[in-house]
N, C-alpha and C. Protein backbone atom coordinates (compact mmCIF):
# COMPACT_ATOMS: atom_id res chain seq x y z
N MET A 1 -10.43 -13.28 -5.47
CA MET A 1 -9.48 -13.60 -4.79
C MET A 1 -10.81 -14.46 -3.65
N GLN A 2 -10.10 -15.53 -3.09
CA GLN A 2 -10.68 -16.28 -2.16
C GLN A 2 -10.31 -16.08 -0.94
N ILE A 3 -11.77 -16.22 0.07
CA ILE A 3 -11.34 -16.00 1.62
C ILE A 3 -11.85 -17.22 2.41
N ASN A 4 -11.08 -17.15 3.35
CA ASN A 4 -11.47 -18.53 4.17
C ASN A 4 -11.65 -18.14 5.73
N VAL A 5 -12.46 -18.24 6.31
CA VAL A 5 -12.72 -17.75 7.69
C VAL A 5 -13.07 -18.69 8.28
N THR A 6 -12.47 -18.83 9.71
CA THR A 6 -12.71 -20.10 10.58
C THR A 6 -12.30 -19.41 12.07
N GLY A 7 -12.86 -20.40 12.93
CA GLY A 7 -12.40 -20.48 14.32
C GLY A 7 -13.74 -19.55 15.01
N GLU A 8 -13.41 -18.81 16.05
CA GLU A 8 -14.27 -18.10 16.73
C GLU A 8 -15.00 -16.96 15.95
N TYR A 9 -16.04 -16.74 15.70
CA TYR A 9 -16.71 -15.35 14.91
C TYR A 9 -18.14 -15.57 15.09
N ASN A 10 -18.66 -14.55 14.95
CA ASN A 10 -20.35 -14.24 14.84
C ASN A 10 -20.55 -13.56 13.55
N GLU A 11 -21.74 -13.58 13.79
CA GLU A 11 -22.54 -12.51 12.49
C GLU A 11 -21.95 -11.21 12.20
N LYS A 12 -21.55 -10.68 13.51
CA LYS A 12 -21.16 -9.32 13.46
C LYS A 12 -19.70 -9.04 12.75
N LEU A 13 -19.02 -10.21 12.57
CA LEU A 13 -17.82 -9.89 11.82
C LEU A 13 -17.82 -9.30 10.33
N LYS A 14 -16.82 -8.15 10.11
CA LYS A 14 -16.69 -7.65 8.83
C LYS A 14 -15.13 -7.66 8.72
N ILE A 15 -14.73 -8.17 7.38
CA ILE A 15 -13.63 -7.88 6.91
C ILE A 15 -13.86 -6.90 5.69
N ARG A 16 -12.99 -6.16 5.55
CA ARG A 16 -13.05 -5.50 4.57
C ARG A 16 -11.43 -4.90 3.90
N LEU A 17 -11.73 -4.80 2.64
CA LEU A 17 -10.37 -4.01 1.82
C LEU A 17 -10.69 -2.74 1.02
N SER A 18 -10.35 -1.84 1.57
CA SER A 18 -10.20 -0.35 0.52
C SER A 18 -8.67 -0.19 -0.16
N GLN A 19 -9.29 0.19 -1.49
CA GLN A 19 -7.86 0.53 -2.51
C GLN A 19 -7.98 2.20 -2.46
N GLY A 20 -6.88 2.59 -2.39
CA GLY A 20 -6.49 3.84 -2.55
C GLY A 20 -6.16 4.78 -1.64
N ILE A 21 -5.81 6.14 -1.86
CA ILE A 21 -5.47 7.02 -0.49
C ILE A 21 -6.33 7.75 -0.37
N TRP A 22 -6.45 8.60 -1.58
CA TRP A 22 -7.50 9.71 -1.53
C TRP A 22 -9.07 9.34 -1.99
N ASN A 23 -8.65 8.91 -2.89
CA ASN A 23 -10.09 7.91 -3.76
C ASN A 23 -10.56 6.59 -3.43
N ASN A 24 -11.03 6.48 -2.40
CA ASN A 24 -11.25 5.01 -2.00
C ASN A 24 -12.42 4.04 -2.57
N THR A 25 -11.83 3.22 -2.68
CA THR A 25 -13.04 2.14 -3.47
C THR A 25 -12.88 0.92 -2.16
N LEU A 26 -14.30 0.69 -1.55
CA LEU A 26 -14.31 -0.23 -0.13
C LEU A 26 -14.82 -1.54 -0.97
N TYR A 27 -14.31 -2.37 -0.54
CA TYR A 27 -14.67 -4.33 -0.96
C TYR A 27 -15.00 -4.78 0.64
N THR A 28 -15.93 -5.54 0.66
CA THR A 28 -16.54 -6.46 1.54
C THR A 28 -15.92 -7.36 1.22
N LEU A 29 -15.11 -8.01 1.95
CA LEU A 29 -14.68 -9.76 1.85
C LEU A 29 -15.60 -10.45 2.57
N PHE A 30 -15.96 -10.17 3.80
CA PHE A 30 -16.39 -11.00 4.67
C PHE A 30 -17.78 -10.31 5.27
N GLU A 31 -18.85 -10.72 5.52
CA GLU A 31 -20.20 -9.86 6.12
C GLU A 31 -21.44 -11.11 6.33
N ASN A 32 -21.86 -10.87 7.42
CA ASN A 32 -23.23 -11.80 7.64
C ASN A 32 -22.75 -13.50 7.79
N SER A 33 -21.60 -13.59 8.07
CA SER A 33 -21.30 -14.86 8.29
C SER A 33 -20.83 -15.60 6.76
N LYS A 34 -20.29 -14.86 5.80
CA LYS A 34 -20.53 -15.18 4.64
C LYS A 34 -19.21 -14.70 4.03
N ALA A 35 -18.35 -15.43 2.84
CA ALA A 35 -17.65 -14.64 2.47
C ALA A 35 -18.18 -14.14 0.93
N VAL A 36 -17.93 -12.87 0.69
CA VAL A 36 -18.53 -12.24 -0.22
C VAL A 36 -17.67 -12.10 -1.52
N LYS A 37 -18.02 -12.66 -2.99
CA LYS A 37 -17.43 -12.69 -3.95
C LYS A 37 -17.41 -11.39 -4.73
N VAL A 38 -15.83 -10.75 -4.67
CA VAL A 38 -15.49 -9.70 -4.87
C VAL A 38 -14.38 -10.00 -6.11
N VAL A 39 -14.20 -9.05 -7.30
CA VAL A 39 -13.42 -8.73 -8.50
C VAL A 39 -12.73 -7.48 -8.32
N PHE A 40 -11.54 -7.51 -8.03
CA PHE A 40 -10.49 -6.38 -7.77
C PHE A 40 -10.33 -5.78 -9.27
N PRO A 41 -9.64 -4.70 -9.13
CA PRO A 41 -8.82 -4.31 -10.77
C PRO A 41 -7.44 -5.56 -10.71
N ASN A 42 -7.30 -5.52 -11.64
CA ASN A 42 -6.09 -6.69 -11.74
C ASN A 42 -4.61 -5.82 -11.63
N ASP A 43 -4.60 -4.37 -11.66
CA ASP A 43 -3.34 -3.75 -11.67
C ASP A 43 -2.86 -3.73 -9.88
N PRO A 44 -1.59 -3.82 -9.73
CA PRO A 44 -1.58 -3.73 -8.11
C PRO A 44 -1.72 -2.57 -7.85
N GLY A 45 -1.68 -2.43 -6.15
CA GLY A 45 -2.16 -1.38 -5.48
C GLY A 45 -2.03 -1.47 -4.05
N LEU A 46 -2.29 -0.48 -3.43
CA LEU A 46 -2.20 -0.21 -2.03
C LEU A 46 -3.66 -0.31 -1.23
N PHE A 47 -3.71 -1.15 -0.16
CA PHE A 47 -4.94 -1.31 0.12
C PHE A 47 -4.69 -1.06 1.62
N ARG A 48 -5.94 -1.18 2.08
CA ARG A 48 -6.11 -1.15 3.64
C ARG A 48 -6.97 -2.27 3.83
N LEU A 49 -6.44 -3.29 5.14
CA LEU A 49 -7.31 -4.37 5.66
C LEU A 49 -8.20 -3.87 6.61
N SER A 50 -9.63 -4.01 6.86
CA SER A 50 -9.81 -3.71 8.34
C SER A 50 -10.96 -5.17 8.56
N ILE A 51 -10.63 -5.17 9.55
CA ILE A 51 -11.50 -6.29 10.22
C ILE A 51 -12.04 -5.52 11.61
N TYR A 52 -13.26 -5.77 11.51
CA TYR A 52 -14.28 -5.59 12.64
C TYR A 52 -14.68 -6.97 13.49
N TYR A 53 -14.11 -7.15 14.69
CA TYR A 53 -14.63 -8.65 14.87
C TYR A 53 -16.07 -8.26 15.33
N ASN A 54 -16.38 -7.43 16.23
CA ASN A 54 -17.47 -6.94 17.02
C ASN A 54 -17.79 -5.59 17.03
N SER A 55 -18.43 -5.09 17.85
CA SER A 55 -18.69 -3.61 18.13
C SER A 55 -17.39 -2.95 18.82
N GLU A 56 -16.72 -3.84 19.15
CA GLU A 56 -15.45 -3.52 20.17
C GLU A 56 -13.90 -3.83 19.98
N ASN A 57 -14.19 -4.84 18.91
CA ASN A 57 -12.43 -4.75 18.63
C ASN A 57 -12.49 -4.90 17.10
N PHE A 58 -11.16 -4.42 16.76
CA PHE A 58 -11.28 -4.04 15.48
C PHE A 58 -9.44 -4.24 15.07
N TYR A 59 -8.86 -4.46 13.79
CA TYR A 59 -7.90 -4.33 13.22
C TYR A 59 -7.79 -3.75 12.09
N VAL A 60 -6.71 -2.54 11.69
CA VAL A 60 -6.31 -2.13 10.43
C VAL A 60 -4.81 -2.32 9.99
N GLU A 61 -4.79 -2.25 8.65
CA GLU A 61 -3.26 -2.49 8.67
C GLU A 61 -3.39 -1.78 6.88
N ASN A 62 -2.09 -1.10 6.57
CA ASN A 62 -1.76 -0.90 5.17
C ASN A 62 -1.01 -2.16 4.54
N LEU A 63 -1.63 -2.62 3.21
CA LEU A 63 -1.06 -3.46 2.58
C LEU A 63 -0.66 -3.54 0.92
N LEU A 64 0.56 -3.58 0.53
CA LEU A 64 0.62 -3.56 -1.10
C LEU A 64 0.51 -5.02 -1.89
N TYR A 65 -0.05 -4.53 -2.62
CA TYR A 65 -0.31 -6.00 -3.47
C TYR A 65 0.78 -5.76 -4.99
N ILE A 66 1.86 -6.22 -5.28
CA ILE A 66 2.68 -5.96 -5.83
C ILE A 66 1.83 -6.77 -7.30
N SER A 67 1.27 -7.60 -7.33
CA SER A 67 0.63 -8.07 -8.65
C SER A 67 -1.04 -8.26 -8.45
N ASN A 68 -1.74 -9.02 -9.60
CA ASN A 68 -2.95 -9.04 -9.29
C ASN A 68 -3.84 -9.69 -7.72
N PRO A 69 -4.17 -8.60 -7.34
CA PRO A 69 -5.07 -9.19 -5.90
C PRO A 69 -6.07 -10.46 -6.37
N ASN A 70 -6.36 -10.43 -7.05
CA ASN A 70 -7.84 -11.56 -7.70
C ASN A 70 -7.03 -12.83 -7.58
N LEU A 71 -5.58 -12.82 -7.04
CA LEU A 71 -5.19 -14.59 -7.44
C LEU A 71 -5.06 -14.73 -6.02
N ASP A 72 -4.91 -13.98 -4.97
CA ASP A 72 -4.86 -14.30 -3.60
C ASP A 72 -5.88 -14.93 -3.07
N VAL A 73 -4.95 -15.87 -1.95
CA VAL A 73 -6.13 -16.59 -1.18
C VAL A 73 -5.76 -16.22 0.15
N LEU A 74 -6.85 -15.18 1.01
CA LEU A 74 -6.71 -14.92 2.41
C LEU A 74 -7.15 -15.83 3.64
N SER A 75 -6.51 -16.25 4.21
CA SER A 75 -7.25 -17.26 5.38
C SER A 75 -7.12 -16.41 6.71
N PHE A 76 -8.25 -16.46 7.55
CA PHE A 76 -8.46 -15.87 8.98
C PHE A 76 -8.95 -16.93 9.63
N HIS A 77 -8.38 -16.97 11.10
CA HIS A 77 -9.02 -17.97 12.05
C HIS A 77 -8.68 -17.42 13.13
N PHE A 78 -10.05 -16.91 13.62
CA PHE A 78 -10.17 -16.14 14.95
C PHE A 78 -10.06 -17.47 16.41
N TYR A 79 -9.75 -16.88 17.05
CA TYR A 79 -9.92 -17.58 18.28
C TYR A 79 -9.75 -16.64 19.76
N LYS A 80 -10.00 -16.90 20.78
CA LYS A 80 -10.33 -16.24 22.19
C LYS A 80 -9.18 -16.90 23.26
N GLU A 81 -8.21 -15.80 23.68
CA GLU A 81 -7.77 -16.03 24.68
C GLU A 81 -8.33 -15.29 25.92
N ASN A 82 -8.60 -15.74 27.06
CA ASN A 82 -9.48 -15.01 28.13
C ASN A 82 -10.37 -14.14 27.49
N VAL A 83 -10.29 -12.73 27.48
CA VAL A 83 -11.07 -11.98 27.01
C VAL A 83 -10.22 -11.05 25.58
N ARG A 84 -9.40 -11.40 25.47
CA ARG A 84 -8.62 -11.17 24.23
C ARG A 84 -8.69 -12.21 22.88
N VAL A 85 -9.05 -10.91 21.63
CA VAL A 85 -9.46 -11.82 20.33
C VAL A 85 -8.24 -11.94 19.50
N PHE A 86 -7.24 -12.95 19.29
CA PHE A 86 -6.34 -12.83 18.09
C PHE A 86 -7.12 -13.57 16.76
N CYS A 87 -5.71 -13.36 15.98
CA CYS A 87 -6.25 -13.92 14.29
C CYS A 87 -5.20 -14.33 13.76
N ARG A 88 -5.14 -15.36 13.20
CA ARG A 88 -3.94 -15.64 12.71
C ARG A 88 -4.21 -15.37 11.05
N ILE A 89 -3.78 -14.54 10.40
CA ILE A 89 -3.84 -14.49 8.75
C ILE A 89 -2.62 -14.97 8.28
N GLU A 90 -3.20 -15.51 6.84
CA GLU A 90 -2.47 -16.19 5.98
C GLU A 90 -2.71 -15.60 4.62
N SER A 91 -1.70 -15.18 3.73
CA SER A 91 -2.01 -14.87 2.18
C SER A 91 -0.76 -15.60 1.40
N MET A 92 -1.44 -15.64 0.21
CA MET A 92 -0.50 -16.68 -0.71
C MET A 92 0.40 -15.36 -1.48
N LEU A 93 -0.02 -13.92 -1.49
CA LEU A 93 0.74 -13.02 -2.38
C LEU A 93 1.51 -12.32 -1.45
N VAL A 94 0.79 -11.81 -0.21
CA VAL A 94 1.43 -10.55 0.65
C VAL A 94 2.34 -11.26 1.96
N VAL A 95 3.34 -11.42 1.73
CA VAL A 95 4.04 -12.13 3.02
C VAL A 95 3.77 -11.74 3.76
N GLU A 96 3.58 -9.90 4.01
CA GLU A 96 3.50 -9.53 5.23
C GLU A 96 2.56 -9.89 5.73
N LEU A 97 1.32 -10.15 5.54
CA LEU A 97 0.12 -10.50 6.44
C LEU A 97 0.31 -11.79 6.63
N ASN A 98 1.35 -12.73 6.68
CA ASN A 98 1.33 -13.96 7.23
C ASN A 98 1.67 -14.12 8.92
N LYS A 99 0.57 -13.66 9.51
CA LYS A 99 0.95 -13.54 11.26
C LYS A 99 0.12 -13.29 11.96
N GLU A 100 0.34 -13.40 13.19
CA GLU A 100 -0.90 -13.56 14.19
C GLU A 100 -1.06 -12.13 14.57
N ILE A 101 -2.34 -11.94 14.83
CA ILE A 101 -2.65 -10.41 15.62
C ILE A 101 -3.51 -10.53 16.35
N LEU A 102 -3.47 -9.39 17.54
CA LEU A 102 -4.47 -9.08 18.45
C LEU A 102 -5.67 -8.32 18.03
N LEU A 103 -6.47 -8.25 17.98
CA LEU A 103 -7.77 -7.56 17.50
C LEU A 103 -7.58 -6.24 18.70
N ASN A 104 -7.89 -4.93 18.31
CA ASN A 104 -7.77 -3.70 19.63
C ASN A 104 -9.03 -3.61 19.79
N PRO A 105 -9.06 -3.70 21.01
CA PRO A 105 -10.52 -3.03 21.63
C PRO A 105 -10.40 -1.25 21.69
N LEU A 106 -11.77 -1.23 21.65
CA LEU A 106 -11.87 0.31 21.46
C LEU A 106 -11.52 1.03 22.59
N SER A 107 -11.05 1.99 22.68
CA SER A 107 -10.60 3.16 23.57
C SER A 107 -11.68 3.48 24.29
N GLU A 108 -11.56 4.02 25.44
CA GLU A 108 -12.54 4.20 26.26
C GLU A 108 -13.45 5.49 25.62
N ASN A 109 -13.02 6.50 25.07
CA ASN A 109 -13.71 7.28 24.51
C ASN A 109 -14.71 7.06 23.53
N PHE A 110 -14.00 6.22 22.48
CA PHE A 110 -14.77 5.68 21.90
C PHE A 110 -16.08 5.04 21.82
N LYS A 111 -15.90 3.95 23.03
CA LYS A 111 -16.92 3.18 23.67
C LYS A 111 -17.87 4.30 24.74
N GLU A 112 -17.37 5.46 25.13
CA GLU A 112 -18.54 6.32 25.01
C GLU A 112 -19.35 7.15 24.23
N LEU A 113 -18.46 7.44 23.21
CA LEU A 113 -19.30 7.91 21.96
C LEU A 113 -20.07 6.78 21.33
N LYS A 114 -19.59 5.57 21.50
CA LYS A 114 -20.55 4.81 20.95
C LYS A 114 -22.07 4.48 21.72
N GLY A 115 -21.80 4.71 22.92
CA GLY A 115 -22.90 4.63 24.06
C GLY A 115 -23.80 5.76 23.61
N ILE A 116 -23.48 6.73 23.40
CA ILE A 116 -24.18 8.07 23.31
C ILE A 116 -25.10 8.04 21.87
N ILE A 117 -24.08 7.64 21.11
CA ILE A 117 -24.81 7.07 19.47
C ILE A 117 -25.76 6.15 19.97
N GLU A 118 -25.75 4.91 20.56
CA GLU A 118 -26.69 4.19 20.67
C GLU A 118 -27.89 4.70 21.32
N ASN A 119 -27.90 5.51 22.07
CA ASN A 119 -28.96 6.35 23.33
C ASN A 119 -29.56 7.23 22.29
N PHE A 120 -28.93 7.92 21.31
CA PHE A 120 -29.55 8.75 20.54
C PHE A 120 -30.62 8.20 19.80
N ASP A 121 -30.02 6.89 19.07
CA ASP A 121 -30.90 6.24 18.03
C ASP A 121 -32.09 5.56 18.97
N ALA A 122 -32.10 4.98 20.01
CA ALA A 122 -33.07 4.37 20.91
C ALA A 122 -33.79 5.36 21.23
N ASP A 123 -33.63 6.68 21.49
CA ASP A 123 -34.47 7.45 21.92
C ASP A 123 -35.07 8.10 20.75
N ASN A 124 -34.81 8.11 19.70
CA ASN A 124 -35.25 8.72 18.23
C ASN A 124 -36.42 7.64 18.09
N CYS A 125 -36.36 6.47 17.89
CA CYS A 125 -36.91 5.23 17.70
C CYS A 125 -38.32 4.94 18.61
N ALA A 126 -38.10 5.31 19.96
CA ALA A 126 -38.96 5.68 20.93
C ALA A 126 -40.39 6.70 20.65
N SER A 127 -39.42 7.90 19.91
CA SER A 127 -40.28 8.87 19.73
C SER A 127 -41.34 8.94 18.41
N LEU A 128 -40.84 8.00 17.58
CA LEU A 128 -41.53 7.46 16.37
C LEU A 128 -43.00 7.12 16.80
């Protein structure tokens, strides 16, 4: 599978595919500003695409590869308008992915939980 990422993004961008429903296998496609070479099983299957733009914007979608996913070329182009983050996705094999999406901001509950976890981690590091 070939991954192309362009546009406005930083080192926090992560793009992953997970395969399966109950027994998941996680494949990282893009991390640390680099595409990661991944070899998928050659069989068709159900996958979940997860895009984590930063710690507060994300997108998740289920997709079905009806042929070998290793033959696909996925392109992601990120851009910002005002405070919103958009991504234009293109796939050679999965027609349903050829679209423009708005990355979802975290809900207030998750932002609060994230703050609690970060404060907890900071307190534990300070006590060492």
